[in-house]
Amino acid sequence: MYIPWKYTDFQDKATNVAQKLLGMYLIHRTSEVEYIGKIVETEAYGGSYQGKIDDASHAWRKRTNRNEPMFQNGGISYVYLIYGMYHCFNVVTSLKDDAQAVLIRAIEPIQGKEYMLVNRKLSIPDKRISNGPGKLCIAMNITIKENSIPLWKAPLFIATPTNKEMIRIVKGKRVNISYAEKGKYFPWRFFIQGNPYVSKG
């Protein structure tokens, strides 16, 4: 059904990995269920674009306890809280001290949807279940406990589906980063054209 990514698959620029992740599976195994979601929307953070440093990145100003995972070798998770209540899940990329990561913005439920509905407190399946970074973390039971762990093996990992379909990738500006004087113009948001689970943006 799927083939887990290797450690080295993550060690590329965030902009490249962000596009490679589209159509891949995000898998979270718990004691109750194996959640599987197809990644349909991503955003790259860190590095530079046309000579301009990404000032939207958490790692832009300085290294902190919070953003420390971004400074590690690619292939681990970076999970953080926003508004003190919603988790965001990121895939760390590139090499140690380069500080790049990919935010997973939306997934299409593949397996464990009935559990996702319960987690999201929804009674009827629809795109609201996972069409945003906070929503997908609730749906797939991803919390700060999953911060800074390897993403090439269980319990939380990235995998290539054995029946991977052809997709068309759309690029655009990232969402909700108006504070970033330069980075708000970077075309570093990527999503699968026509997929109903892509966020409103």
Protein backbone atom coordinates (compact mmCIF):
# COMPACT_ATOMS: atom_id res chain seq x y z
CA MET A 1 0.00 0.00 0.00
CA TYR A 2 2.88 2.37 0.70
CA ILE A 3 6.66 2.62 0.97
CA PRO A 4 8.11 4.74 3.83
CA TRP A 5 10.51 7.51 2.83
CA LYS A 6 14.19 7.09 3.55
CA TYR A 7 16.13 9.41 5.84
CA THR A 8 17.87 10.98 2.84
CA ASP A 9 14.62 11.81 1.03
CA PHE A 10 14.11 14.76 3.36
CA GLN A 11 17.55 16.29 2.92
CA ASP A 12 16.81 18.73 0.13
CA LYS A 13 15.65 22.34 -0.02
CA ALA A 14 12.25 22.95 1.54
CA THR A 15 10.86 24.25 -1.75
CA ASN A 16 11.74 20.97 -3.44
CA VAL A 17 10.50 18.73 -0.64
CA ALA A 18 7.27 20.74 -0.37
CA GLN A 19 6.42 19.72 -3.93
CA LYS A 20 7.62 16.13 -3.56
CA LEU A 21 5.35 15.71 -0.53
CA LEU A 22 2.20 16.39 -2.54
CA GLY A 23 0.40 13.11 -3.14
CA MET A 24 2.45 11.37 -0.44
CA TYR A 25 0.92 9.78 2.65
CA LEU A 26 1.21 11.19 6.16
CA ILE A 27 0.75 8.21 8.49
CA HIS A 28 0.21 8.23 12.24
CA ARG A 29 -0.05 4.92 14.08
CA THR A 30 -1.66 4.96 17.51
CA SER A 31 -2.85 2.20 19.82
CA GLU A 32 -6.32 2.51 18.29
CA VAL A 33 -5.86 3.19 14.60
CA GLU A 34 -3.48 3.84 11.73
CA TYR A 35 -4.40 7.26 10.36
CA ILE A 36 -3.48 7.86 6.72
CA GLY A 37 -3.88 11.18 4.96
CA LYS A 38 -2.79 12.12 1.46
CA ILE A 39 -0.87 15.40 1.54
CA VAL A 40 -2.58 17.90 -0.76
CA GLU A 41 -1.19 21.28 0.33
CA THR A 42 2.19 22.45 1.65
CA GLU A 43 4.22 25.59 2.32
CA ALA A 44 8.02 25.89 2.37
CA TYR A 45 9.86 27.95 5.00
CA GLY A 46 13.50 28.93 5.42
CA GLY A 47 16.32 29.62 3.01
CA SER A 48 16.07 32.44 0.49
CA TYR A 49 14.29 33.43 -2.73
CA GLN A 50 15.95 35.62 -5.36
CA GLY A 51 18.57 36.64 -2.80
CA LYS A 52 16.03 37.58 -0.11
CA ILE A 53 16.04 35.75 3.24
CA ASP A 54 12.72 34.22 4.27
CA ASP A 55 11.56 36.48 7.08
CA ALA A 56 8.39 34.40 7.49
CA SER A 57 10.40 31.48 8.85
CA HIS A 58 10.41 30.76 12.59
CA ALA A 59 14.19 30.43 12.33
CA TRP A 60 14.76 33.82 10.71
CA ARG A 61 15.68 35.89 13.77
CA LYS A 62 17.45 33.45 16.06
CA ARG A 63 17.73 29.90 17.29
CA THR A 64 15.42 29.11 20.21
CA ASN A 65 14.19 26.08 22.14
CA ARG A 66 10.96 26.25 20.16
CA ASN A 67 12.50 26.26 16.67
CA GLU A 68 15.43 23.96 17.50
CA PRO A 69 14.04 21.07 15.38
CA MET A 70 14.40 23.26 12.26
CA PHE A 71 18.16 23.34 12.79
CA GLN A 72 18.53 19.56 12.75
CA ASN A 73 19.11 17.27 9.78
CA GLY A 74 16.05 16.92 7.59
CA GLY A 75 13.73 14.04 8.38
CA ILE A 76 12.26 14.95 11.76
CA SER A 77 9.02 16.62 12.79
CA TYR A 78 8.53 20.19 13.95
CA VAL A 79 5.22 20.60 15.80
CA TYR A 80 4.22 23.83 17.50
CA LEU A 81 1.16 25.56 18.93
CA ILE A 82 -0.57 28.62 17.49
CA TYR A 83 -3.02 30.76 19.45
CA GLY A 84 -2.18 28.52 22.40
CA MET A 85 -4.56 25.80 21.18
CA TYR A 86 -3.92 24.58 17.61
CA HIS A 87 -1.01 22.41 16.55
CA CYS A 88 0.83 22.77 13.25
CA PHE A 89 2.85 19.91 11.78
CA ASN A 90 6.03 20.54 9.79
CA VAL A 91 8.54 18.31 8.02
CA VAL A 92 12.13 19.44 8.66
CA THR A 93 14.24 19.41 5.49
CA SER A 94 17.77 20.17 4.27
CA LEU A 95 20.85 19.65 6.46
CA LYS A 96 21.86 20.45 10.04
CA ASP A 97 21.95 24.20 10.84
CA ASP A 98 20.29 25.15 7.51
CA ALA A 99 16.88 25.62 9.21
CA GLN A 100 14.29 24.74 6.59
CA ALA A 101 10.91 23.04 6.94
CA VAL A 102 7.64 22.33 5.15
CA LEU A 103 4.30 23.10 6.77
CA ILE A 104 1.64 20.52 5.92
CA ARG A 105 -1.46 22.64 5.33
CA ALA A 106 -4.04 20.05 4.30
CA ILE A 107 -4.58 16.33 3.83
CA GLU A 108 -7.21 14.15 2.18
CA PRO A 109 -8.34 11.36 4.55
CA ILE A 110 -7.47 7.90 3.22
CA GLN A 111 -7.76 5.64 6.28
CA GLY A 112 -9.16 6.12 9.78
CA LYS A 113 -11.72 8.68 8.65
CA GLU A 114 -14.29 7.55 11.24
CA TYR A 115 -11.75 8.32 13.99
CA MET A 116 -10.91 11.65 12.35
CA LEU A 117 -14.58 12.61 12.43
CA VAL A 118 -14.75 11.88 16.15
CA ASN A 119 -11.56 13.84 16.79
CA ARG A 120 -12.94 16.81 14.83
CA LYS A 121 -16.39 16.50 16.43
CA LEU A 122 -18.05 16.20 13.02
CA SER A 123 -20.97 13.91 12.19
CA ILE A 124 -20.88 14.14 8.40
CA PRO A 125 -17.69 13.65 6.34
CA ASP A 126 -16.72 16.73 4.35
CA LYS A 127 -13.62 18.74 3.47
CA ARG A 128 -13.68 20.61 6.80
CA ILE A 129 -12.26 17.52 8.45
CA SER A 130 -8.68 18.31 7.39
CA ASN A 131 -8.53 21.37 5.11
CA GLY A 132 -6.18 23.39 7.30
CA PRO A 133 -3.01 22.83 9.36
CA GLY A 134 -4.75 22.91 12.74
CA LYS A 135 -7.65 20.79 11.51
CA LEU A 136 -5.46 18.01 10.15
CA CYS A 137 -3.52 17.79 13.41
CA ILE A 138 -6.74 17.39 15.38
CA ALA A 139 -8.06 14.86 12.86
CA MET A 140 -4.89 12.75 12.92
CA ASN A 141 -4.22 13.18 16.66
CA ILE A 142 -0.89 14.97 16.14
CA THR A 143 0.19 17.03 19.16
CA ILE A 144 3.33 18.51 20.67
CA LYS A 145 4.16 14.96 21.81
CA GLU A 146 5.05 14.26 18.18
CA ASN A 147 7.56 17.12 18.03
CA SER A 148 11.15 16.38 16.96
CA ILE A 149 10.73 12.69 16.11
CA PRO A 150 11.96 10.77 13.02
CA LEU A 151 9.60 10.78 10.05
CA TRP A 152 10.93 7.72 8.24
CA LYS A 153 9.50 5.18 10.71
CA ALA A 154 6.50 4.59 12.97
CA PRO A 155 4.64 5.98 14.77
CA LEU A 156 4.59 9.11 12.54
CA PHE A 157 6.04 8.97 9.06
CA ILE A 158 5.89 9.94 5.39
CA ALA A 159 5.36 7.28 2.73
CA THR A 160 4.90 6.96 -1.02
CA PRO A 161 1.65 5.22 -2.00
CA THR A 162 2.22 2.24 -4.28
CA ASN A 163 -0.59 3.49 -6.51
CA LYS A 164 0.57 7.12 -6.62
CA GLU A 165 -1.50 9.12 -9.08
CA MET A 166 -0.44 11.85 -11.48
CA ILE A 167 -1.05 15.34 -10.09
CA ARG A 168 -0.81 18.93 -11.27
CA ILE A 169 0.85 21.29 -8.79
CA VAL A 170 -0.30 24.88 -8.35
CA LYS A 171 2.05 27.47 -6.81
CA GLY A 172 1.20 30.68 -5.02
CA LYS A 173 1.93 32.99 -2.09
CA ARG A 174 1.84 31.56 1.42
CA VAL A 175 -1.10 32.16 3.75
CA ASN A 176 -1.41 34.40 6.83
CA ILE A 177 2.12 35.83 6.82
CA SER A 178 1.40 39.51 6.13
CA TYR A 179 3.93 40.38 8.87
CA ALA A 180 6.81 39.14 6.69
CA GLU A 181 8.00 42.14 4.69
CA LYS A 182 9.81 40.04 2.09
CA GLY A 183 8.57 36.50 2.59
CA LYS A 184 4.90 37.33 2.05
CA TYR A 185 5.65 37.60 -1.66
CA PHE A 186 7.48 34.28 -2.04
CA PRO A 187 5.56 31.77 -4.23
CA TRP A 188 6.13 28.95 -1.76
CA ARG A 189 2.65 27.56 -1.28
CA PHE A 190 2.00 24.37 -3.26
CA PHE A 191 -1.18 22.37 -3.69
CA ILE A 192 -2.82 19.73 -5.86
CA GLN A 193 -5.02 21.34 -8.46
CA GLY A 194 -8.69 20.53 -8.05
CA ASN A 195 -8.41 18.68 -4.75
CA PRO A 196 -11.41 19.58 -2.55
CA TYR A 197 -9.40 19.33 0.69
CA VAL A 198 -7.09 22.23 -0.17
CA SER A 199 -7.59 25.12 2.27
CA LYS A 200 -9.22 28.39 1.24
CA GLY A 201 -5.84 30.13 1.34
